[in-house]
Protein backbone atom coordinates (compact mmCIF):
# COMPACT_ATOMS: atom_id res chain seq x y z
CA MET A 1 -172.44 64.32 319.74
CA HIS A 2 -169.79 65.47 317.18
CA PHE A 3 -170.72 63.93 313.72
CA MET A 4 -167.51 62.48 313.25
CA ASN A 5 -167.67 60.53 316.69
CA SER A 6 -171.02 59.34 316.11
CA LEU A 7 -170.18 58.17 312.57
CA GLN A 8 -166.87 56.31 314.00
CA ALA A 9 -169.00 54.78 316.71
CA ALA A 10 -171.60 53.43 314.11
CA TRP A 11 -168.88 52.00 311.99
CA GLN A 12 -167.67 50.03 314.91
CA ARG A 13 -170.83 49.06 316.68
CA ASN A 14 -172.64 47.98 313.44
CA HIS A 15 -169.68 46.68 311.81
CA SER A 16 -170.99 48.66 308.58
CA LEU A 17 -169.69 51.24 306.14
CA VAL A 18 -173.24 51.27 304.47
CA CYS A 19 -175.09 54.69 304.09
CA VAL A 20 -178.68 54.38 302.96
CA GLY A 21 -179.85 57.16 300.60
CA LEU A 22 -183.39 58.08 301.40
CA ASP A 23 -184.83 59.06 298.16
CA PRO A 24 -188.41 58.49 297.98
CA GLU A 25 -190.11 58.15 294.77
CA PRO A 26 -194.06 57.46 295.33
CA ALA A 27 -194.28 55.70 291.98
CA LYS A 28 -192.05 52.88 293.29
CA PHE A 29 -193.83 52.50 296.57
CA PRO A 30 -195.82 49.35 297.38
CA ALA A 31 -199.52 49.34 296.43
CA HIS A 32 -200.79 49.54 299.96
CA LEU A 33 -198.83 52.93 300.59
CA LYS A 34 -199.62 54.63 297.24
CA ASN A 35 -202.95 56.33 298.34
CA ARG A 36 -202.00 57.19 301.98
CA ALA A 37 -201.66 60.87 302.81
CA ASP A 38 -198.45 60.30 304.88
CA ALA A 39 -196.77 57.73 302.50
CA VAL A 40 -193.45 59.42 302.15
CA PHE A 41 -192.86 59.46 305.85
CA GLU A 42 -194.33 55.95 306.39
CA PHE A 43 -192.20 54.60 303.56
CA CYS A 44 -188.86 56.08 304.76
CA ALA A 45 -189.54 55.51 308.56
CA ALA A 46 -190.03 51.97 307.87
CA ILE A 47 -186.85 51.48 305.87
CA VAL A 48 -185.08 53.36 308.69
CA ASP A 49 -186.45 50.96 311.41
CA ALA A 50 -185.72 47.80 309.38
CA THR A 51 -181.98 48.76 308.78
CA ALA A 52 -180.74 50.84 311.60
CA ASP A 53 -178.53 48.15 313.16
CA VAL A 54 -176.89 47.42 309.82
CA VAL A 55 -175.76 50.94 308.61
CA CYS A 56 -173.50 53.74 309.56
CA THR A 57 -175.67 56.60 308.33
CA TYR A 58 -178.87 57.87 306.54
CA LYS A 59 -178.68 60.33 303.73
CA PRO A 60 -182.03 61.91 302.84
CA GLN A 61 -181.97 63.77 299.40
CA ILE A 62 -183.63 67.05 299.89
CA ALA A 63 -184.89 67.38 296.29
CA HIS A 64 -186.80 64.21 296.59
CA PHE A 65 -188.68 65.63 299.39
CA ALA A 66 -189.09 69.23 298.10
CA ALA A 67 -190.29 68.05 294.70
CA LEU A 68 -193.34 66.42 296.54
CA ARG A 69 -193.94 69.27 298.83
CA ALA A 70 -192.78 66.96 301.72
CA GLU A 71 -190.31 69.03 303.62
CA GLU A 72 -192.36 68.58 306.73
CA ALA A 73 -192.16 64.78 306.32
CA LEU A 74 -188.42 65.17 306.04
CA GLU A 75 -188.31 67.13 309.27
CA ARG A 76 -190.41 64.40 310.96
CA LEU A 77 -188.20 61.69 309.51
CA VAL A 78 -184.92 63.24 310.85
CA ALA A 79 -186.65 63.60 314.13
CA HIS A 80 -187.85 60.03 314.02
CA ILE A 81 -184.23 58.73 313.35
CA HIS A 82 -182.82 60.81 316.20
CA ALA A 83 -185.68 59.65 318.60
CA ARG A 84 -185.76 55.96 317.69
CA HIS A 85 -182.07 55.42 316.55
CA PRO A 86 -179.86 58.16 318.07
CA SER A 87 -176.59 56.49 317.47
CA ILE A 88 -177.10 56.80 313.61
CA PRO A 89 -176.21 60.20 312.19
CA VAL A 90 -178.11 61.81 309.43
CA ILE A 91 -176.52 63.60 306.34
CA LEU A 92 -178.69 66.14 304.64
CA ASP A 93 -177.75 65.57 300.79
CA ALA A 94 -178.43 69.06 299.61
CA LYS A 95 -175.41 70.17 297.86
CA ARG A 96 -175.55 73.76 298.89
CA GLY A 97 -173.07 76.46 298.02
CA ASP A 98 -173.56 80.27 298.26
CA ILE A 99 -171.97 83.36 300.03
CA GLY A 100 -172.68 85.64 302.76
CA SER A 101 -176.08 85.65 304.35
CA THR A 102 -177.41 83.08 302.07
CA ALA A 103 -175.01 80.59 303.23
CA GLN A 104 -176.05 81.27 306.79
CA HIS A 105 -179.47 80.69 305.83
CA TYR A 106 -178.41 77.32 304.33
CA VAL A 107 -176.84 76.59 307.61
CA THR A 108 -179.97 77.26 309.47
CA GLU A 109 -181.99 75.12 306.97
CA ALA A 110 -179.79 72.10 307.45
CA PHE A 111 -178.75 72.10 310.98
CA ASP A 112 -181.70 73.98 312.74
CA ARG A 113 -184.66 73.29 310.71
CA PHE A 114 -183.96 69.66 309.48
CA GLN A 115 -181.58 68.89 312.40
CA ALA A 116 -179.20 67.10 310.20
CA ASP A 117 -175.83 65.98 311.66
CA ALA A 118 -173.99 66.89 308.34
CA VAL A 119 -174.65 68.29 304.98
CA THR A 120 -173.27 67.99 301.55
CA LEU A 121 -171.92 71.21 299.94
CA ASN A 122 -170.45 72.42 296.78
CA PRO A 123 -167.08 74.12 297.28
CA TYR A 124 -166.98 75.99 293.99
CA LEU A 125 -167.57 79.44 295.53
CA GLY A 126 -164.54 79.00 297.79
CA ARG A 127 -163.78 79.28 301.52
CA ASP A 128 -166.23 81.91 302.47
CA SER A 129 -169.22 80.04 301.20
CA ILE A 130 -168.25 77.17 303.36
CA GLN A 131 -167.27 79.00 306.60
CA PRO A 132 -170.60 79.31 308.21
CA PHE A 133 -170.81 75.41 308.02
CA LEU A 134 -167.12 74.88 309.22
CA ASP A 135 -168.11 77.11 312.24
CA ARG A 136 -170.59 74.68 313.41
CA ALA A 137 -167.80 72.34 314.67
CA ASP A 138 -169.92 69.58 315.88
CA LYS A 139 -171.68 69.18 312.27
CA GLY A 140 -170.34 67.18 309.42
CA VAL A 141 -169.29 69.40 306.33
CA ILE A 142 -169.31 66.87 303.33
CA LEU A 143 -167.70 68.60 300.17
CA LEU A 144 -168.05 67.47 296.57
CA CYS A 145 -164.67 66.43 295.17
CA ARG A 146 -164.61 63.77 292.44
CA THR A 147 -168.34 63.04 291.90
CA SER A 148 -169.68 59.78 290.34
CA ASN A 149 -171.45 61.14 287.29
CA PRO A 150 -170.05 60.89 283.80
CA GLY A 151 -169.95 64.75 283.57
CA GLY A 152 -167.94 65.10 286.67
CA ALA A 153 -164.67 65.23 284.66
CA ASP A 154 -165.80 68.25 282.73
CA PHE A 155 -164.24 70.42 285.38
CA GLN A 156 -163.07 68.19 288.13
CA ALA A 157 -160.38 66.76 285.99
CA LEU A 158 -159.08 69.98 284.58
CA ASP A 159 -155.28 70.54 284.92
CA CYS A 160 -154.74 73.02 288.05
CA GLY A 161 -150.94 73.71 288.14
CA GLY A 162 -149.96 70.13 287.23
CA GLU A 163 -152.68 68.15 289.19
CA PRO A 164 -156.42 67.83 288.58
CA LEU A 165 -158.76 70.26 290.27
CA TYR A 166 -160.48 67.51 292.36
CA LEU A 167 -157.13 66.76 294.04
CA ARG A 168 -156.58 70.59 294.53
CA VAL A 169 -159.85 70.70 296.16
CA ALA A 170 -159.05 67.45 298.35
CA GLU A 171 -155.72 69.03 299.53
CA THR A 172 -157.22 72.43 300.30
CA VAL A 173 -159.95 70.96 302.43
CA ALA A 174 -157.57 68.80 304.35
CA ARG A 175 -154.92 71.27 305.01
CA ASP A 176 -156.77 74.48 305.30
CA TRP A 177 -160.46 73.88 305.94
CA ASN A 178 -160.56 71.04 308.33
CA THR A 179 -159.57 72.85 311.48
CA HIS A 180 -162.39 71.36 313.54
CA GLY A 181 -161.93 68.03 312.22
CA ASN A 182 -165.43 68.06 310.76
CA CYS A 183 -164.77 67.74 306.90
CA ALA A 184 -165.48 64.84 304.56
CA LEU A 185 -165.38 64.65 300.77
CA VAL A 186 -167.70 63.08 298.15
CA THR A 187 -165.78 60.71 295.95
CA GLY A 188 -167.54 58.57 293.40
CA ALA A 189 -167.12 54.69 293.31
CA THR A 190 -167.20 55.02 289.50
CA TRP A 191 -163.68 56.20 289.66
CA PRO A 192 -161.84 54.07 292.26
CA GLU A 193 -158.27 54.98 291.18
CA GLU A 194 -159.05 58.60 291.50
CA LEU A 195 -160.66 57.64 294.85
CA GLY A 196 -157.37 56.39 295.97
CA LYS A 197 -155.51 59.38 294.95
CA VAL A 198 -157.75 61.47 297.23
CA ARG A 199 -157.35 59.06 299.98
CA ALA A 200 -153.49 59.45 299.66
CA VAL A 201 -153.71 63.25 300.15
CA VAL A 202 -156.44 63.56 302.87
CA GLY A 203 -155.32 60.59 305.28
CA ASP A 204 -158.19 59.28 307.33
CA MET A 205 -160.72 61.99 306.42
CA PRO A 206 -164.16 60.16 305.78
CA LEU A 207 -165.23 59.87 302.18
CA LEU A 208 -168.84 59.58 301.14
CA VAL A 209 -168.90 57.15 298.20
CA PRO A 210 -172.00 57.33 295.80
CA GLY A 211 -172.30 55.30 292.67
CA ILE A 212 -172.49 51.75 293.97
CA GLY A 213 -175.31 49.66 292.31
CA ALA A 214 -177.33 51.42 289.77
CA GLN A 215 -174.23 53.52 288.78
CA GLY A 216 -172.00 50.52 288.34
CA GLY A 217 -169.36 51.19 291.10
CA ASP A 218 -167.20 48.21 292.18
CA VAL A 219 -167.14 47.38 295.77
CA GLU A 220 -163.83 45.61 295.73
CA ALA A 221 -162.22 48.36 293.94
CA VAL A 222 -163.66 50.96 296.25
CA LEU A 223 -162.28 49.26 299.42
CA LYS A 224 -159.02 48.54 297.74
CA HIS A 225 -158.31 52.24 296.90
CA GLY A 226 -160.58 54.09 299.46
CA ARG A 227 -160.43 52.43 302.90
CA SER A 228 -158.56 54.03 305.78
CA ALA A 229 -155.68 52.40 307.57
CA ASP A 230 -158.11 50.69 309.99
CA GLY A 231 -160.54 49.44 307.47
CA THR A 232 -163.06 52.32 307.86
CA GLY A 233 -163.11 55.67 306.42
CA LEU A 234 -165.93 55.20 303.93
CA MET A 235 -169.66 55.88 303.86
CA ILE A 236 -170.72 53.90 300.89
CA SER A 237 -174.04 54.96 299.70
CA SER A 238 -176.77 53.00 298.17
CA SER A 239 -180.48 54.08 297.72
CA ARG A 240 -182.62 52.49 295.03
CA ALA A 241 -180.93 49.14 295.35
CA ILE A 242 -182.03 49.15 299.11
CA LEU A 243 -185.28 51.08 299.12
CA TYR A 244 -186.93 49.39 296.20
CA ALA A 245 -185.52 45.77 296.73
CA GLY A 246 -189.07 44.83 297.35
CA ASN A 247 -192.52 46.21 296.42
CA GLY A 248 -194.87 44.37 298.46
CA GLU A 249 -195.98 44.71 302.01
CA ASP A 250 -192.63 43.12 303.30
CA PHE A 251 -190.78 46.10 301.50
CA ALA A 252 -188.87 47.01 304.74
CA ALA A 253 -187.73 43.37 305.22
CA ARG A 254 -186.41 43.34 301.78
CA ALA A 255 -184.71 46.55 302.12
CA ARG A 256 -183.15 44.98 305.18
CA ASP A 257 -182.02 41.93 303.37
CA ALA A 258 -180.52 44.30 300.60
CA ALA A 259 -178.55 46.45 303.21
CA ILE A 260 -177.22 43.17 304.87
CA GLU A 261 -176.21 41.95 301.62
CA LEU A 262 -174.22 45.19 300.77
CA ARG A 263 -172.73 45.35 304.25
CA ASP A 264 -171.59 41.63 304.22
CA THR A 265 -170.12 42.18 300.54
CA ILE A 266 -168.21 45.41 301.75
CA ASN A 267 -166.93 43.55 304.89
CA ARG A 268 -165.34 40.76 302.73
CA PHE A 269 -162.95 43.29 301.22
CA ARG A 270 -162.12 45.27 304.50
């Protein structure tokens, strides 16, 4: 299924805009998993199985797996999601961006090796660095626009012909790159008014919104400025607050509770 169709169906079926970031940190795992050989997969799969009916997407962060030499666990995790919860799309959070044959290899990595439904990308190298991803019309192409980190303004807020660079990115993606309807943008919860400016120029294009929870983003402000006309249009990402909501043998149940709490908080402002 086309990533966008799958995402829209998950928004409606689960009545949820919650994206769970899968960022495994073994030091934070519950004690009964810490010495297990397959702890990374077991931890993440348990979180997925406990939350699949209350989220709209999962977002494994590739660096968290690669640093642990756990890429094979990531492959199995995505396969597990597709097999057990096929209606929930998977975003590979990789922030790739390169040109020529290297870009094509990154396409193979994201969509053929890891079988992701979408991938995050850095548009800084321009259209030709993104084109191989755009050509996979059924896959989501999620481009950095106005990121949630404090240093994002170093370049993203620079004047670019009378408007900030991040808005020029948003306009270019919406106008020129989204010919297959498979583009989305990363817009941080920590800048809700700027998120609203992005929404104004991209219409109903989905926005992936990190920065809720540990980074201090405000749910009400995000919904006020960022939701689309039908009350959807957002993938509001939370990682640590859900993954590590509990540290006992009931960790997956506590993660479910945290995901439900975030879903319900979001829905109050939709």
